[in-house]
Amino acid sequence: MRLVGLALLILGVLAVVYGGFWYEKEEEAARIGPVKIEVEKRERVNVPLWAGVAGVVGGAILVATGAKRVA
């Protein structure tokens, strides 16, 4: 559980700092016979501030409590 909490904490901090992420996708612009023209587009995915804060808080709680082992 601590590992999941740490990952959630890191992702939450990154979401708060950067506010989202970019990714690239290839799109077909034109096709004329055997010739194909592709264009790379950059698109942005915005992560809401509340989601980043929730990730930080949830991750911190999971790291602090850890996994409780039952004997």
N, C-alpha and C. Protein backbone atom coordinates (compact mmCIF):
# COMPACT_ATOMS: atom_id res chain seq x y z
N MET A 1 0.82 -1.19 0.00
CA MET A 1 0.00 0.00 0.00
C MET A 1 0.86 1.26 0.00
N ARG A 2 2.01 1.16 0.65
CA ARG A 2 2.87 2.35 0.68
C ARG A 2 3.39 2.70 -0.71
N LEU A 3 3.65 1.68 -1.51
CA LEU A 3 4.13 1.93 -2.87
C LEU A 3 3.05 2.61 -3.71
N VAL A 4 1.82 2.16 -3.57
CA VAL A 4 0.69 2.79 -4.27
C VAL A 4 0.51 4.22 -3.78
N GLY A 5 0.62 4.42 -2.47
CA GLY A 5 0.51 5.76 -1.91
C GLY A 5 1.60 6.69 -2.40
N LEU A 6 2.81 6.17 -2.51
CA LEU A 6 3.93 6.98 -3.00
C LEU A 6 3.72 7.37 -4.46
N ALA A 7 3.26 6.43 -5.27
CA ALA A 7 2.99 6.72 -6.68
C ALA A 7 1.88 7.76 -6.81
N LEU A 8 0.83 7.62 -6.01
CA LEU A 8 -0.27 8.58 -6.04
C LEU A 8 0.18 9.95 -5.58
N LEU A 9 1.03 9.98 -4.58
CA LEU A 9 1.58 11.25 -4.08
C LEU A 9 2.42 11.94 -5.15
N ILE A 10 3.27 11.20 -5.83
CA ILE A 10 4.12 11.79 -6.87
C ILE A 10 3.28 12.28 -8.04
N LEU A 11 2.31 11.48 -8.47
CA LEU A 11 1.44 11.91 -9.57
C LEU A 11 0.62 13.13 -9.19
N GLY A 12 0.16 13.19 -7.95
CA GLY A 12 -0.59 14.35 -7.48
C GLY A 12 0.24 15.62 -7.49
N VAL A 13 1.49 15.51 -7.04
CA VAL A 13 2.38 16.68 -7.04
C VAL A 13 2.65 17.14 -8.47
N LEU A 14 2.89 16.20 -9.37
CA LEU A 14 3.13 16.56 -10.77
C LEU A 14 1.89 17.21 -11.39
N ALA A 15 0.71 16.73 -11.03
CA ALA A 15 -0.53 17.31 -11.55
C ALA A 15 -0.72 18.74 -11.05
N VAL A 16 -0.37 19.00 -9.80
CA VAL A 16 -0.50 20.35 -9.26
C VAL A 16 0.52 21.28 -9.89
N VAL A 17 1.75 20.80 -10.05
CA VAL A 17 2.82 21.65 -10.59
C VAL A 17 2.61 21.96 -12.07
N TYR A 18 2.34 20.93 -12.88
CA TYR A 18 2.26 21.12 -14.32
C TYR A 18 0.85 21.37 -14.83
N GLY A 19 -0.16 20.94 -14.12
CA GLY A 19 -1.54 21.18 -14.53
C GLY A 19 -2.02 20.32 -15.68
N GLY A 20 -1.23 19.35 -16.10
CA GLY A 20 -1.64 18.48 -17.20
C GLY A 20 -0.43 17.91 -17.90
N PHE A 21 -0.67 17.29 -19.04
CA PHE A 21 0.45 16.72 -19.80
C PHE A 21 0.14 16.78 -21.29
N TRP A 22 1.19 16.67 -22.10
CA TRP A 22 1.10 16.69 -23.55
C TRP A 22 1.30 15.30 -24.09
N TYR A 23 0.68 15.00 -25.19
CA TYR A 23 0.98 13.78 -25.92
C TYR A 23 0.87 14.07 -27.40
N GLU A 24 1.54 13.25 -28.20
CA GLU A 24 1.54 13.43 -29.65
C GLU A 24 0.79 12.28 -30.30
N LYS A 25 0.05 12.62 -31.34
CA LYS A 25 -0.61 11.57 -32.10
C LYS A 25 -0.47 11.88 -33.58
N GLU A 26 -0.38 10.82 -34.36
CA GLU A 26 -0.26 10.98 -35.81
C GLU A 26 -1.65 10.91 -36.42
N GLU A 27 -1.87 11.82 -37.36
CA GLU A 27 -3.17 11.89 -38.02
C GLU A 27 -2.95 11.95 -39.52
N GLU A 28 -3.76 11.23 -40.24
CA GLU A 28 -3.65 11.24 -41.69
C GLU A 28 -4.26 12.54 -42.22
N ALA A 29 -3.45 13.33 -42.94
CA ALA A 29 -3.91 14.61 -43.46
C ALA A 29 -4.51 14.44 -44.86
N ALA A 30 -3.86 13.63 -45.68
CA ALA A 30 -4.35 13.45 -47.05
C ALA A 30 -3.84 12.11 -47.60
N ARG A 31 -4.60 11.58 -48.53
CA ARG A 31 -4.19 10.35 -49.20
C ARG A 31 -4.54 10.51 -50.67
N ILE A 32 -3.51 10.47 -51.49
CA ILE A 32 -3.70 10.59 -52.93
C ILE A 32 -3.07 9.35 -53.56
N GLY A 33 -3.88 8.41 -53.92
CA GLY A 33 -3.37 7.15 -54.47
C GLY A 33 -2.52 6.44 -53.44
N PRO A 34 -1.30 6.06 -53.81
CA PRO A 34 -0.44 5.36 -52.87
C PRO A 34 0.31 6.31 -51.92
N VAL A 35 0.17 7.62 -52.14
CA VAL A 35 0.88 8.60 -51.32
C VAL A 35 -0.01 8.98 -50.13
N LYS A 36 0.58 8.88 -48.95
CA LYS A 36 -0.15 9.21 -47.74
C LYS A 36 0.62 10.29 -46.98
N ILE A 37 -0.05 11.35 -46.58
CA ILE A 37 0.59 12.43 -45.83
C ILE A 37 0.05 12.39 -44.40
N GLU A 38 0.97 12.27 -43.44
CA GLU A 38 0.59 12.24 -42.04
C GLU A 38 1.12 13.47 -41.33
N VAL A 39 0.37 13.92 -40.34
CA VAL A 39 0.74 15.09 -39.55
C VAL A 39 0.78 14.68 -38.09
N GLU A 40 1.81 15.13 -37.37
CA GLU A 40 1.88 14.88 -35.93
C GLU A 40 1.25 16.05 -35.21
N LYS A 41 0.30 15.77 -34.34
CA LYS A 41 -0.37 16.81 -33.58
C LYS A 41 -0.04 16.63 -32.10
N ARG A 42 0.21 17.74 -31.44
CA ARG A 42 0.40 17.73 -29.99
C ARG A 42 -0.91 18.13 -29.35
N GLU A 43 -1.35 17.33 -28.41
CA GLU A 43 -2.58 17.64 -27.70
C GLU A 43 -2.29 17.68 -26.21
N ARG A 44 -3.02 18.53 -25.52
CA ARG A 44 -2.83 18.71 -24.08
C ARG A 44 -4.03 18.17 -23.32
N VAL A 45 -3.75 17.46 -22.26
CA VAL A 45 -4.78 16.97 -21.35
C VAL A 45 -4.62 17.76 -20.05
N ASN A 46 -5.63 18.53 -19.71
CA ASN A 46 -5.58 19.31 -18.48
C ASN A 46 -6.08 18.48 -17.31
N VAL A 47 -5.31 18.51 -16.22
CA VAL A 47 -5.70 17.82 -15.00
C VAL A 47 -6.18 18.90 -14.02
N PRO A 48 -7.41 18.79 -13.54
CA PRO A 48 -7.93 19.80 -12.63
C PRO A 48 -7.11 19.88 -11.34
N LEU A 49 -7.04 21.06 -10.77
CA LEU A 49 -6.28 21.28 -9.55
C LEU A 49 -6.80 20.41 -8.41
N TRP A 50 -8.12 20.27 -8.32
CA TRP A 50 -8.68 19.47 -7.23
C TRP A 50 -8.25 18.01 -7.33
N ALA A 51 -8.07 17.50 -8.56
CA ALA A 51 -7.64 16.11 -8.73
C ALA A 51 -6.20 15.94 -8.26
N GLY A 52 -5.35 16.92 -8.54
CA GLY A 52 -3.97 16.86 -8.07
C GLY A 52 -3.87 16.93 -6.56
N VAL A 53 -4.67 17.82 -5.97
CA VAL A 53 -4.67 17.96 -4.51
C VAL A 53 -5.21 16.68 -3.86
N ALA A 54 -6.25 16.09 -4.45
CA ALA A 54 -6.80 14.84 -3.92
C ALA A 54 -5.77 13.72 -4.01
N GLY A 55 -4.99 13.69 -5.09
CA GLY A 55 -3.92 12.70 -5.21
C GLY A 55 -2.85 12.86 -4.16
N VAL A 56 -2.49 14.12 -3.89
CA VAL A 56 -1.47 14.39 -2.87
C VAL A 56 -1.98 13.95 -1.49
N VAL A 57 -3.20 14.33 -1.15
CA VAL A 57 -3.76 14.00 0.16
C VAL A 57 -3.96 12.49 0.29
N GLY A 58 -4.54 11.87 -0.73
CA GLY A 58 -4.75 10.42 -0.67
C GLY A 58 -3.45 9.66 -0.60
N GLY A 59 -2.46 10.08 -1.38
CA GLY A 59 -1.16 9.42 -1.34
C GLY A 59 -0.46 9.58 0.00
N ALA A 60 -0.57 10.77 0.58
CA ALA A 60 0.04 11.00 1.88
C ALA A 60 -0.62 10.14 2.96
N ILE A 61 -1.93 9.98 2.88
CA ILE A 61 -2.63 9.14 3.86
C ILE A 61 -2.19 7.68 3.71
N LEU A 62 -2.09 7.19 2.46
CA LEU A 62 -1.67 5.81 2.24
C LEU A 62 -0.23 5.58 2.69
N VAL A 63 0.65 6.54 2.46
CA VAL A 63 2.04 6.39 2.89
C VAL A 63 2.12 6.41 4.41
N ALA A 64 1.35 7.29 5.04
CA ALA A 64 1.41 7.43 6.50
C ALA A 64 0.84 6.20 7.20
N THR A 65 -0.26 5.67 6.70
CA THR A 65 -0.87 4.54 7.38
C THR A 65 -0.23 3.22 6.98
N GLY A 66 0.19 3.11 5.71
CA GLY A 66 0.86 1.89 5.26
C GLY A 66 -0.09 0.70 5.28
N ALA A 67 0.45 -0.46 5.08
CA ALA A 67 -0.36 -1.69 5.08
C ALA A 67 -0.37 -2.27 6.49
N LYS A 68 -1.53 -2.47 7.01
CA LYS A 68 -1.66 -3.09 8.33
C LYS A 68 -1.64 -4.61 8.16
N ARG A 69 -0.70 -5.27 8.80
CA ARG A 69 -0.59 -6.72 8.68
C ARG A 69 -1.35 -7.38 9.84
N VAL A 70 -2.11 -8.37 9.48
CA VAL A 70 -2.85 -9.11 10.48
C VAL A 70 -2.10 -10.43 10.72
N ALA A 71 -1.79 -10.70 11.99
CA ALA A 71 -1.01 -11.90 12.31
C ALA A 71 -1.84 -13.14 12.32
